[in-house]
Amino acid sequence: MKRTITDSDLSELMVEDSSPHNLSAFSRIWNDELARVERINSKKKRKKKIRPNLHRAIVVDYLKKLWFIQPMFAAGGAAMVGQVLVLGKLIEYFDTGTANKNGYVLASYMALCGLVILLEHHHAF
């Protein structure tokens, strides 16, 4: 099986990964940025004109497409930190051997943090 790789050996690309699709997406982003700059420069009649910024255009497009994920990431990160803190308190509870019902509350908080982490992580699958 020593032969040169040919085009027929390679699988087809998804449409989202093709160059024409990505070119049209970046062209749309850039044209939106140019229109924004033109609108701002014509409105204010500034002496110092603002210039289009490709970095800003890409970040704005990213945030527009994924704005709903950001709060989920924040909740997942807070739940991970909360779970670690509650685990420390739970270990401290068992170490001291107190007879109050605080351990059940801590275990409930830990389970709740685990549920938040599960729901936040689940969207990736």
N, C-alpha and C. Protein backbone atom coordinates (compact mmCIF):
# COMPACT_ATOMS: atom_id res chain seq x y z
N MET A 1 0.84 -1.18 0.00
CA MET A 1 0.00 0.00 0.00
C MET A 1 0.88 1.24 0.00
N LYS A 2 1.82 1.28 -0.86
CA LYS A 2 2.69 2.44 -0.99
C LYS A 2 2.36 3.14 -2.29
N ARG A 3 1.46 4.09 -2.17
CA ARG A 3 1.13 4.89 -3.35
C ARG A 3 0.90 6.33 -2.89
N THR A 4 0.88 7.20 -3.81
CA THR A 4 0.70 8.61 -3.52
C THR A 4 -0.77 8.89 -3.20
N ILE A 5 -0.99 9.79 -2.27
CA ILE A 5 -2.36 10.16 -1.92
C ILE A 5 -2.94 11.00 -3.07
N THR A 6 -4.17 10.67 -3.43
CA THR A 6 -4.85 11.43 -4.48
C THR A 6 -6.05 12.16 -3.88
N ASP A 7 -6.68 13.00 -4.66
CA ASP A 7 -7.85 13.75 -4.18
C ASP A 7 -8.99 12.83 -3.80
N SER A 8 -9.10 11.70 -4.44
CA SER A 8 -10.20 10.78 -4.14
C SER A 8 -10.01 10.10 -2.78
N ASP A 9 -8.80 10.11 -2.24
CA ASP A 9 -8.56 9.53 -0.92
C ASP A 9 -9.04 10.43 0.21
N LEU A 10 -9.20 11.71 -0.05
CA LEU A 10 -9.58 12.67 0.98
C LEU A 10 -11.09 12.79 1.05
N SER A 11 -11.60 13.00 2.25
CA SER A 11 -13.04 13.16 2.41
C SER A 11 -13.45 14.58 2.02
N GLU A 12 -14.72 14.76 1.77
CA GLU A 12 -15.24 16.07 1.38
C GLU A 12 -15.31 16.98 2.60
N LEU A 13 -15.08 18.26 2.37
CA LEU A 13 -15.20 19.25 3.43
C LEU A 13 -16.67 19.58 3.68
N MET A 14 -16.97 19.94 4.92
CA MET A 14 -18.29 20.46 5.20
C MET A 14 -18.38 21.85 4.58
N VAL A 15 -19.57 22.29 4.29
CA VAL A 15 -19.77 23.59 3.66
C VAL A 15 -19.22 24.70 4.56
N GLU A 16 -19.40 24.57 5.87
CA GLU A 16 -18.94 25.59 6.81
C GLU A 16 -17.42 25.71 6.85
N ASP A 17 -16.72 24.68 6.41
CA ASP A 17 -15.26 24.70 6.42
C ASP A 17 -14.66 25.10 5.07
N SER A 18 -15.48 25.33 4.10
CA SER A 18 -14.97 25.64 2.76
C SER A 18 -14.53 27.09 2.67
N SER A 19 -13.60 27.35 1.79
CA SER A 19 -13.09 28.71 1.60
C SER A 19 -14.15 29.69 1.11
N PRO A 20 -15.00 29.31 0.14
CA PRO A 20 -16.02 30.28 -0.29
C PRO A 20 -16.98 30.69 0.84
N HIS A 21 -17.36 29.74 1.66
CA HIS A 21 -18.26 30.05 2.77
C HIS A 21 -17.59 31.01 3.76
N ASN A 22 -16.34 30.71 4.14
CA ASN A 22 -15.63 31.57 5.08
C ASN A 22 -15.32 32.94 4.48
N LEU A 23 -15.03 32.98 3.20
CA LEU A 23 -14.78 34.26 2.53
C LEU A 23 -16.02 35.13 2.57
N SER A 24 -17.18 34.55 2.29
CA SER A 24 -18.41 35.35 2.33
C SER A 24 -18.73 35.81 3.74
N ALA A 25 -18.44 34.97 4.74
CA ALA A 25 -18.70 35.37 6.13
C ALA A 25 -17.79 36.52 6.53
N PHE A 26 -16.50 36.44 6.21
CA PHE A 26 -15.58 37.53 6.56
C PHE A 26 -15.88 38.79 5.74
N SER A 27 -16.31 38.63 4.51
CA SER A 27 -16.70 39.80 3.71
C SER A 27 -17.89 40.50 4.32
N ARG A 28 -18.86 39.74 4.80
CA ARG A 28 -20.02 40.33 5.45
C ARG A 28 -19.62 41.08 6.71
N ILE A 29 -18.75 40.46 7.52
CA ILE A 29 -18.28 41.11 8.75
C ILE A 29 -17.55 42.41 8.42
N TRP A 30 -16.68 42.37 7.43
CA TRP A 30 -15.89 43.55 7.07
C TRP A 30 -16.78 44.65 6.48
N ASN A 31 -17.73 44.26 5.64
CA ASN A 31 -18.64 45.26 5.07
C ASN A 31 -19.51 45.91 6.15
N ASP A 32 -19.92 45.14 7.14
CA ASP A 32 -20.67 45.72 8.27
C ASP A 32 -19.81 46.72 9.03
N GLU A 33 -18.53 46.40 9.23
CA GLU A 33 -17.62 47.31 9.92
C GLU A 33 -17.40 48.59 9.11
N LEU A 34 -17.24 48.45 7.80
CA LEU A 34 -17.08 49.63 6.94
C LEU A 34 -18.32 50.52 6.98
N ALA A 35 -19.49 49.91 6.97
CA ALA A 35 -20.74 50.68 7.04
C ALA A 35 -20.86 51.39 8.39
N ARG A 36 -20.45 50.72 9.47
CA ARG A 36 -20.50 51.34 10.80
C ARG A 36 -19.59 52.56 10.86
N VAL A 37 -18.38 52.43 10.34
CA VAL A 37 -17.42 53.53 10.36
C VAL A 37 -17.92 54.69 9.50
N GLU A 38 -18.46 54.38 8.35
CA GLU A 38 -18.99 55.42 7.46
C GLU A 38 -20.15 56.16 8.13
N ARG A 39 -21.01 55.40 8.80
CA ARG A 39 -22.15 56.00 9.49
C ARG A 39 -21.69 56.94 10.60
N ILE A 40 -20.71 56.50 11.39
CA ILE A 40 -20.20 57.33 12.49
C ILE A 40 -19.48 58.56 11.96
N ASN A 41 -18.65 58.38 10.96
CA ASN A 41 -17.89 59.51 10.41
C ASN A 41 -18.79 60.54 9.73
N SER A 42 -19.88 60.10 9.11
CA SER A 42 -20.76 61.05 8.44
C SER A 42 -21.67 61.76 9.43
N LYS A 43 -21.99 61.13 10.55
CA LYS A 43 -22.87 61.72 11.54
C LYS A 43 -22.21 62.87 12.28
N LYS A 44 -21.05 62.64 12.76
CA LYS A 44 -20.42 63.58 13.69
C LYS A 44 -19.57 64.64 13.02
N LYS A 45 -19.28 64.50 11.77
CA LYS A 45 -18.44 65.46 11.05
C LYS A 45 -17.18 65.78 11.84
N ARG A 46 -16.52 64.74 12.27
CA ARG A 46 -15.31 64.89 13.08
C ARG A 46 -14.14 65.32 12.22
N LYS A 47 -13.21 65.97 12.87
CA LYS A 47 -11.95 66.27 12.19
C LYS A 47 -11.11 65.01 12.13
N LYS A 48 -11.12 64.28 13.24
CA LYS A 48 -10.36 63.03 13.29
C LYS A 48 -11.32 61.87 13.00
N LYS A 49 -11.19 61.31 11.83
CA LYS A 49 -12.06 60.22 11.42
C LYS A 49 -11.63 58.92 12.07
N ILE A 50 -12.61 58.10 12.44
CA ILE A 50 -12.25 56.78 12.96
C ILE A 50 -12.01 55.85 11.78
N ARG A 51 -11.20 54.86 12.03
CA ARG A 51 -10.85 53.91 10.97
C ARG A 51 -11.48 52.56 11.26
N PRO A 52 -11.76 51.79 10.22
CA PRO A 52 -12.31 50.45 10.45
C PRO A 52 -11.28 49.56 11.15
N ASN A 53 -11.78 48.65 11.96
CA ASN A 53 -10.92 47.80 12.75
C ASN A 53 -11.39 46.35 12.58
N LEU A 54 -10.55 45.52 11.98
CA LEU A 54 -10.91 44.13 11.74
C LEU A 54 -11.05 43.35 13.04
N HIS A 55 -10.18 43.64 14.02
CA HIS A 55 -10.28 42.94 15.30
C HIS A 55 -11.62 43.21 15.97
N ARG A 56 -12.04 44.47 15.96
CA ARG A 56 -13.32 44.82 16.56
C ARG A 56 -14.45 44.11 15.83
N ALA A 57 -14.40 44.08 14.52
CA ALA A 57 -15.45 43.45 13.73
C ALA A 57 -15.57 41.96 14.05
N ILE A 58 -14.45 41.29 14.19
CA ILE A 58 -14.48 39.85 14.50
C ILE A 58 -15.01 39.60 15.91
N VAL A 59 -14.57 40.42 16.88
CA VAL A 59 -15.03 40.25 18.26
C VAL A 59 -16.53 40.53 18.35
N VAL A 60 -17.01 41.57 17.69
CA VAL A 60 -18.44 41.89 17.72
C VAL A 60 -19.24 40.74 17.10
N ASP A 61 -18.79 40.20 16.00
CA ASP A 61 -19.49 39.08 15.37
C ASP A 61 -19.51 37.86 16.30
N TYR A 62 -18.38 37.60 16.95
CA TYR A 62 -18.29 36.48 17.89
C TYR A 62 -19.29 36.65 19.02
N LEU A 63 -19.35 37.85 19.59
CA LEU A 63 -20.25 38.09 20.71
C LEU A 63 -21.71 38.05 20.27
N LYS A 64 -22.01 38.50 19.06
CA LYS A 64 -23.39 38.44 18.57
C LYS A 64 -23.84 37.00 18.40
N LYS A 65 -22.94 36.14 17.94
CA LYS A 65 -23.32 34.75 17.70
C LYS A 65 -23.36 33.92 18.98
N LEU A 66 -22.52 34.26 19.95
CA LEU A 66 -22.39 33.41 21.14
C LEU A 66 -22.73 34.14 22.43
N TRP A 67 -23.57 35.15 22.41
CA TRP A 67 -23.87 35.93 23.60
C TRP A 67 -24.54 35.08 24.68
N PHE A 68 -25.33 34.09 24.30
CA PHE A 68 -26.06 33.29 25.27
C PHE A 68 -25.16 32.27 25.98
N ILE A 69 -24.00 31.97 25.43
CA ILE A 69 -23.08 31.01 26.05
C ILE A 69 -22.31 31.66 27.20
N GLN A 70 -22.02 32.95 27.10
CA GLN A 70 -21.17 33.62 28.09
C GLN A 70 -21.73 33.52 29.51
N PRO A 71 -23.04 33.80 29.75
CA PRO A 71 -23.55 33.62 31.12
C PRO A 71 -23.48 32.18 31.60
N MET A 72 -23.63 31.23 30.67
CA MET A 72 -23.53 29.83 31.07
C MET A 72 -22.11 29.50 31.52
N PHE A 73 -21.11 30.01 30.80
CA PHE A 73 -19.72 29.80 31.21
C PHE A 73 -19.45 30.42 32.58
N ALA A 74 -19.98 31.61 32.81
CA ALA A 74 -19.80 32.29 34.10
C ALA A 74 -20.45 31.49 35.22
N ALA A 75 -21.66 30.99 34.98
CA ALA A 75 -22.35 30.18 35.99
C ALA A 75 -21.58 28.88 36.26
N GLY A 76 -21.05 28.27 35.22
CA GLY A 76 -20.28 27.04 35.40
C GLY A 76 -19.00 27.28 36.18
N GLY A 77 -18.31 28.37 35.89
CA GLY A 77 -17.10 28.71 36.64
C GLY A 77 -17.39 29.01 38.09
N ALA A 78 -18.47 29.76 38.34
CA ALA A 78 -18.85 30.06 39.73
C ALA A 78 -19.25 28.78 40.47
N ALA A 79 -19.93 27.87 39.77
CA ALA A 79 -20.34 26.61 40.40
C ALA A 79 -19.12 25.75 40.73
N MET A 80 -18.12 25.76 39.86
CA MET A 80 -16.90 24.99 40.16
C MET A 80 -16.19 25.54 41.39
N VAL A 81 -16.08 26.84 41.49
CA VAL A 81 -15.45 27.45 42.67
C VAL A 81 -16.30 27.19 43.90
N GLY A 82 -17.62 27.34 43.75
CA GLY A 82 -18.53 27.08 44.88
C GLY A 82 -18.46 25.65 45.36
N GLN A 83 -18.33 24.72 44.43
CA GLN A 83 -18.25 23.31 44.80
C GLN A 83 -16.99 23.02 45.61
N VAL A 84 -15.89 23.64 45.23
CA VAL A 84 -14.64 23.45 45.97
C VAL A 84 -14.77 24.03 47.38
N LEU A 85 -15.36 25.21 47.48
CA LEU A 85 -15.51 25.83 48.80
C LEU A 85 -16.45 25.02 49.69
N VAL A 86 -17.55 24.54 49.12
CA VAL A 86 -18.50 23.73 49.89
C VAL A 86 -17.87 22.40 50.30
N LEU A 87 -17.05 21.83 49.43
CA LEU A 87 -16.36 20.58 49.78
C LEU A 87 -15.45 20.81 50.98
N GLY A 88 -14.75 21.94 51.01
CA GLY A 88 -13.91 22.26 52.17
C GLY A 88 -14.72 22.37 53.44
N LYS A 89 -15.87 23.04 53.35
CA LYS A 89 -16.75 23.17 54.53
C LYS A 89 -17.31 21.83 54.95
N LEU A 90 -17.61 20.97 53.98
CA LEU A 90 -18.15 19.65 54.29
C LEU A 90 -17.10 18.78 54.98
N ILE A 91 -15.87 18.86 54.53
CA ILE A 91 -14.78 18.13 55.19
C ILE A 91 -14.58 18.66 56.60
N GLU A 92 -14.65 19.95 56.75
CA GLU A 92 -14.53 20.57 58.08
C GLU A 92 -15.66 20.11 58.99
N TYR A 93 -16.87 19.99 58.45
CA TYR A 93 -18.03 19.53 59.21
C TYR A 93 -17.80 18.11 59.73
N PHE A 94 -17.32 17.22 58.87
CA PHE A 94 -17.08 15.84 59.30
C PHE A 94 -15.90 15.75 60.25
N ASP A 95 -14.93 16.63 60.08
CA ASP A 95 -13.75 16.61 60.94
C ASP A 95 -14.09 17.03 62.37
N THR A 96 -14.97 18.01 62.51
CA THR A 96 -15.32 18.49 63.86
C THR A 96 -16.34 17.58 64.51
N GLY A 97 -17.17 16.88 63.75
CA GLY A 97 -18.13 15.93 64.30
C GLY A 97 -19.30 16.58 65.00
N THR A 98 -19.71 17.75 64.57
CA THR A 98 -20.86 18.40 65.19
C THR A 98 -22.13 17.66 64.82
N ALA A 99 -23.16 17.78 65.67
CA ALA A 99 -24.39 17.01 65.49
C ALA A 99 -25.50 17.82 64.83
N ASN A 100 -25.22 19.00 64.35
CA ASN A 100 -26.29 19.79 63.72
C ASN A 100 -26.54 19.32 62.29
N LYS A 101 -27.55 19.87 61.66
CA LYS A 101 -27.96 19.44 60.31
C LYS A 101 -27.24 20.21 59.20
N ASN A 102 -26.17 20.89 59.52
CA ASN A 102 -25.45 21.71 58.55
C ASN A 102 -24.84 20.86 57.44
N GLY A 103 -24.51 19.63 57.71
CA GLY A 103 -23.91 18.75 56.72
C GLY A 103 -24.84 18.47 55.55
N TYR A 104 -26.15 18.32 55.84
CA TYR A 104 -27.12 18.07 54.78
C TYR A 104 -27.25 19.29 53.86
N VAL A 105 -27.20 20.46 54.45
CA VAL A 105 -27.28 21.70 53.66
C VAL A 105 -26.05 21.80 52.76
N LEU A 106 -24.88 21.53 53.32
CA LEU A 106 -23.66 21.59 52.52
C LEU A 106 -23.67 20.56 51.40
N ALA A 107 -24.13 19.36 51.69
CA ALA A 107 -24.22 18.32 50.66
C ALA A 107 -25.22 18.72 49.57
N SER A 108 -26.30 19.38 49.95
CA SER A 108 -27.28 19.85 48.97
C SER A 108 -26.66 20.93 48.08
N TYR A 109 -25.92 21.85 48.68
CA TYR A 109 -25.24 22.88 47.89
C TYR A 109 -24.25 22.25 46.91
N MET A 110 -23.56 21.23 47.37
CA MET A 110 -22.58 20.57 46.52
C MET A 110 -23.28 19.87 45.34
N ALA A 111 -24.41 19.24 45.60
CA ALA A 111 -25.17 18.60 44.53
C ALA A 111 -25.73 19.64 43.56
N LEU A 112 -26.18 20.76 44.07
CA LEU A 112 -26.70 21.83 43.22
C LEU A 112 -25.60 22.39 42.32
N CYS A 113 -24.41 22.59 42.88
CA CYS A 113 -23.27 23.06 42.07
C CYS A 113 -22.92 22.03 41.00
N GLY A 114 -22.97 20.77 41.35
CA GLY A 114 -22.71 19.72 40.37
C GLY A 114 -23.74 19.72 39.24
N LEU A 115 -24.99 20.00 39.58
CA LEU A 115 -26.04 20.07 38.55
C LEU A 115 -25.80 21.25 37.61
N VAL A 116 -25.42 22.39 38.17
CA VAL A 116 -25.13 23.56 37.33
C VAL A 116 -23.96 23.26 36.40
N ILE A 117 -22.92 22.62 36.92
CA ILE A 117 -21.76 22.27 36.09
C ILE A 117 -22.17 21.30 34.99
N LEU A 118 -23.01 20.33 35.33
CA LEU A 118 -23.48 19.37 34.35
C LEU A 118 -24.27 20.05 33.23
N LEU A 119 -25.18 20.94 33.59
CA LEU A 119 -25.98 21.62 32.58
C LEU A 119 -25.14 22.57 31.74
N GLU A 120 -24.16 23.22 32.35
CA GLU A 120 -23.30 24.14 31.61
C GLU A 120 -22.39 23.37 30.66
N HIS A 121 -21.93 22.22 31.09
CA HIS A 121 -20.99 21.44 30.29
C HIS A 121 -21.70 20.65 29.20
N HIS A 122 -22.99 20.36 29.40
CA HIS A 122 -23.73 19.49 28.50
C HIS A 122 -23.90 20.09 27.11
N HIS A 123 -23.94 21.41 26.98
CA HIS A 123 -24.16 22.02 25.67
C HIS A 123 -23.03 21.72 24.69
N ALA A 124 -21.88 21.29 25.20
CA ALA A 124 -20.75 21.01 24.31
C ALA A 124 -20.89 19.65 23.62
N PHE A 125 -21.83 18.86 24.05
CA PHE A 125 -21.96 17.52 23.45
C PHE A 125 -23.17 17.47 22.61
